[in-house]
Every structure is written in structure tokens, then in C-alpha cells.
Amino acid sequence: MPDTILAFDYGLRRIGVAVGQDVTASASPVGSITNGDAGVDHDRISQLIAEWQPSRLIVGMPLHADGSPSEMTKTVDAFVAELAQYELPVETIDERFTSLEAERTLKNARRQGSRGRITKADIDAAAAVCIAERYLAQ
């Protein structure tokens, strides 16, 4: 049975989400979840878990280029703790440079004519794809 994961690229306004599976070691963007003054949209996370039935959740951990914790590390740790309510294993993975990688990939696709305007939510979801694929490749 394929191992399905949901991957999250945590941001203070939006959290990018991707779904991936180990058979193909590939992932696809799912979209983004709002995160703001009211907190993370856990209703949407619950819907995604019900829809995709993942065996684990993967969260990108923001680190500095030298591998040391960033200003966001504690905030992401708190999000990881919140995800425990779904009673699924939660793992973190180094997400250094995933947003840059995602933006570059989307801009290349746009240049080749395979996509239109790129939104911040698109970049967040594409970064979650990078996180998922990085996890699946290890």
C-alpha cells in the first residue's frame, strides 16, 4: 500500500500544502491554508486529512544557511505541536531554499507558457511540493 504524506510549508499568513506518495516519490500542490490572527485553519487541515488519508505529516523546518535555528523555528515547533491533535506521525525536514526553488520552478513554467500569473499562494504550495519531494527522496 502506498505511503501518502501531507507536507506543509509554514508561513505566518499562509501555509502551503502538498500531497506526496512514496511509490513515485513525487508530490503535487494542494493549495494553501490561511494562518493569521485567528490562528491556523485547522478545519481545512482536517478536511485535507480526511480527503488524502495520509500516513504522516511533514513540516518544513526553517533553518539558517548554516543549519542553525531561525527566528521562525519556535513558531514552526508550535505548529508541529498543534498537528499532534490529528494522531498521525509528524516529522520535520530541513526546508532551506525551498521557497526559492519553488519560485524558480514556477517562473520557468511561466516562461515556457505552461502557466499564467504566479501568486504567493502558488509559491507556498510549490514550496510544500519541494518539502514533500525532499522527504520522499531520503
Protein backbone atom coordinates (compact mmCIF):
# COMPACT_ATOMS: atom_id res chain seq x y z
CA MET A 1 0.00 0.00 0.00
CA PRO A 2 1.47 3.38 -0.95
CA ASP A 3 2.61 5.67 1.85
CA THR A 4 0.86 9.04 1.41
CA ILE A 5 2.12 12.19 3.11
CA LEU A 6 0.84 15.72 3.51
CA ALA A 7 3.62 18.30 3.55
CA PHE A 8 3.36 21.82 4.96
CA ASP A 9 5.36 24.97 4.20
CA TYR A 10 4.54 27.07 7.28
CA GLY A 11 4.13 30.82 6.88
CA LEU A 12 2.68 33.50 9.12
CA ARG A 13 -0.12 34.30 6.61
CA ARG A 14 -0.41 31.11 4.57
CA ILE A 15 0.70 27.51 4.90
CA GLY A 16 1.46 25.81 1.60
CA VAL A 17 0.26 22.19 1.34
CA ALA A 18 1.28 19.33 -0.94
CA VAL A 19 0.42 15.66 -1.10
CA GLY A 20 3.02 13.07 -1.99
CA GLN A 21 3.44 9.32 -2.05
CA ASP A 22 6.39 7.04 -1.81
CA VAL A 23 5.69 4.79 -4.81
CA THR A 24 6.55 7.54 -7.29
CA ALA A 25 8.49 9.72 -4.79
CA SER A 26 6.58 12.64 -6.26
CA ALA A 27 4.24 15.28 -4.89
CA SER A 28 1.57 17.67 -6.13
CA PRO A 29 0.44 21.02 -4.78
CA VAL A 30 -2.85 21.02 -2.88
CA GLY A 31 -3.05 24.75 -2.21
CA SER A 32 -2.65 26.86 0.87
CA ILE A 33 -4.30 27.18 4.27
CA THR A 34 -4.91 30.52 5.91
CA ASN A 35 -2.92 31.41 9.00
CA GLY A 36 -3.45 34.72 10.68
CA ASP A 37 -4.76 36.47 13.76
CA ALA A 38 -7.36 33.72 14.28
CA GLY A 39 -4.65 31.05 14.02
CA VAL A 40 -4.19 28.13 11.68
CA ASP A 41 -7.28 26.95 9.76
CA HIS A 42 -7.47 23.53 11.42
CA ASP A 43 -10.87 22.85 9.82
CA ARG A 44 -9.15 22.89 6.44
CA ILE A 45 -6.33 20.66 7.69
CA SER A 46 -8.96 18.20 8.96
CA GLN A 47 -10.64 18.23 5.53
CA LEU A 48 -7.33 17.56 3.77
CA ILE A 49 -6.51 14.68 6.13
CA ALA A 50 -9.95 13.17 5.53
CA GLU A 51 -9.55 13.57 1.77
CA TRP A 52 -5.97 12.30 1.36
CA GLN A 53 -5.73 9.83 4.30
CA PRO A 54 -2.01 10.44 4.85
CA SER A 55 0.05 8.10 6.99
CA ARG A 56 2.20 11.01 8.23
CA LEU A 57 2.52 14.78 8.15
CA ILE A 58 5.75 16.52 7.12
CA VAL A 59 6.58 20.09 8.09
CA GLY A 60 9.40 22.12 6.60
CA MET A 61 11.70 23.42 9.33
CA PRO A 62 13.16 26.84 8.57
CA LEU A 63 16.88 26.98 9.30
CA HIS A 64 19.61 29.47 8.50
CA ALA A 65 22.00 28.65 5.66
CA ASP A 66 24.48 27.29 8.22
CA GLY A 67 21.85 24.88 9.62
CA SER A 68 21.23 26.79 12.84
CA PRO A 69 17.65 27.53 14.01
CA SER A 70 16.00 30.63 12.52
CA GLU A 71 13.64 33.17 14.09
CA MET A 72 10.74 31.04 12.80
CA THR A 73 11.91 27.74 14.31
CA LYS A 74 9.97 28.16 17.60
CA THR A 75 6.82 29.20 15.71
CA VAL A 76 7.07 26.14 13.46
CA ASP A 77 7.71 23.93 16.51
CA ALA A 78 4.42 25.25 17.96
CA PHE A 79 2.63 24.36 14.68
CA VAL A 80 4.15 20.86 14.81
CA ALA A 81 2.80 20.51 18.37
CA GLU A 82 -0.67 21.58 17.14
CA LEU A 83 -0.57 18.88 14.46
CA ALA A 84 -0.35 16.21 17.19
CA GLN A 85 -4.15 16.53 17.54
CA TYR A 86 -4.55 14.57 14.28
CA GLU A 87 -2.92 11.50 15.84
CA LEU A 88 -0.58 10.96 12.90
CA PRO A 89 3.21 10.86 13.00
CA VAL A 90 4.62 14.33 12.37
CA GLU A 91 8.15 14.77 11.07
CA THR A 92 10.14 17.84 10.17
CA ILE A 93 12.63 18.25 7.36
CA ASP A 94 15.11 20.97 6.50
CA GLU A 95 13.33 23.40 4.20
CA ARG A 96 16.27 25.66 3.40
CA PHE A 97 15.87 27.27 -0.03
CA THR A 98 12.56 25.50 -0.88
CA SER A 99 10.72 28.81 -1.47
CA LEU A 100 13.47 30.00 -3.82
CA GLU A 101 13.44 26.63 -5.59
CA ALA A 102 9.64 26.75 -5.89
CA GLU A 103 9.60 30.30 -7.24
CA ARG A 104 12.29 29.43 -9.82
CA THR A 105 10.32 26.35 -10.95
CA LEU A 106 7.09 28.34 -11.32
CA LYS A 107 8.83 31.17 -13.21
CA ASN A 108 10.39 28.64 -15.60
CA ALA A 109 6.94 27.10 -16.21
CA ARG A 110 5.53 30.55 -16.88
CA ARG A 111 8.34 31.36 -19.33
CA GLN A 112 7.60 28.11 -21.17
CA GLY A 113 3.92 29.10 -21.38
CA SER A 114 2.62 26.26 -19.22
CA ARG A 115 1.20 28.54 -16.52
CA GLY A 116 -0.10 32.06 -16.02
CA ARG A 117 0.27 34.54 -13.20
CA ILE A 118 2.11 33.31 -10.10
CA THR A 119 0.61 34.15 -6.71
CA LYS A 120 2.22 33.94 -3.27
CA ALA A 121 -0.15 31.03 -2.51
CA ASP A 122 1.20 29.24 -5.63
CA ILE A 123 4.75 29.68 -4.36
CA ASP A 124 3.76 28.39 -0.89
CA ALA A 125 2.13 25.28 -2.37
CA ALA A 126 5.11 24.70 -4.69
CA ALA A 127 7.46 25.03 -1.70
CA ALA A 128 5.39 22.35 0.07
CA VAL A 129 5.93 20.14 -3.03
CA CYS A 130 9.69 20.67 -2.64
CA ILE A 131 9.44 19.74 1.06
CA ALA A 132 7.45 16.58 0.25
CA GLU A 133 9.82 15.50 -2.52
CA ARG A 134 12.86 16.18 -0.31
CA TYR A 135 11.31 13.97 2.39
CA LEU A 136 10.37 11.20 -0.07
CA ALA A 137 13.88 11.20 -1.59
CA GLN A 138 15.60 10.47 1.72
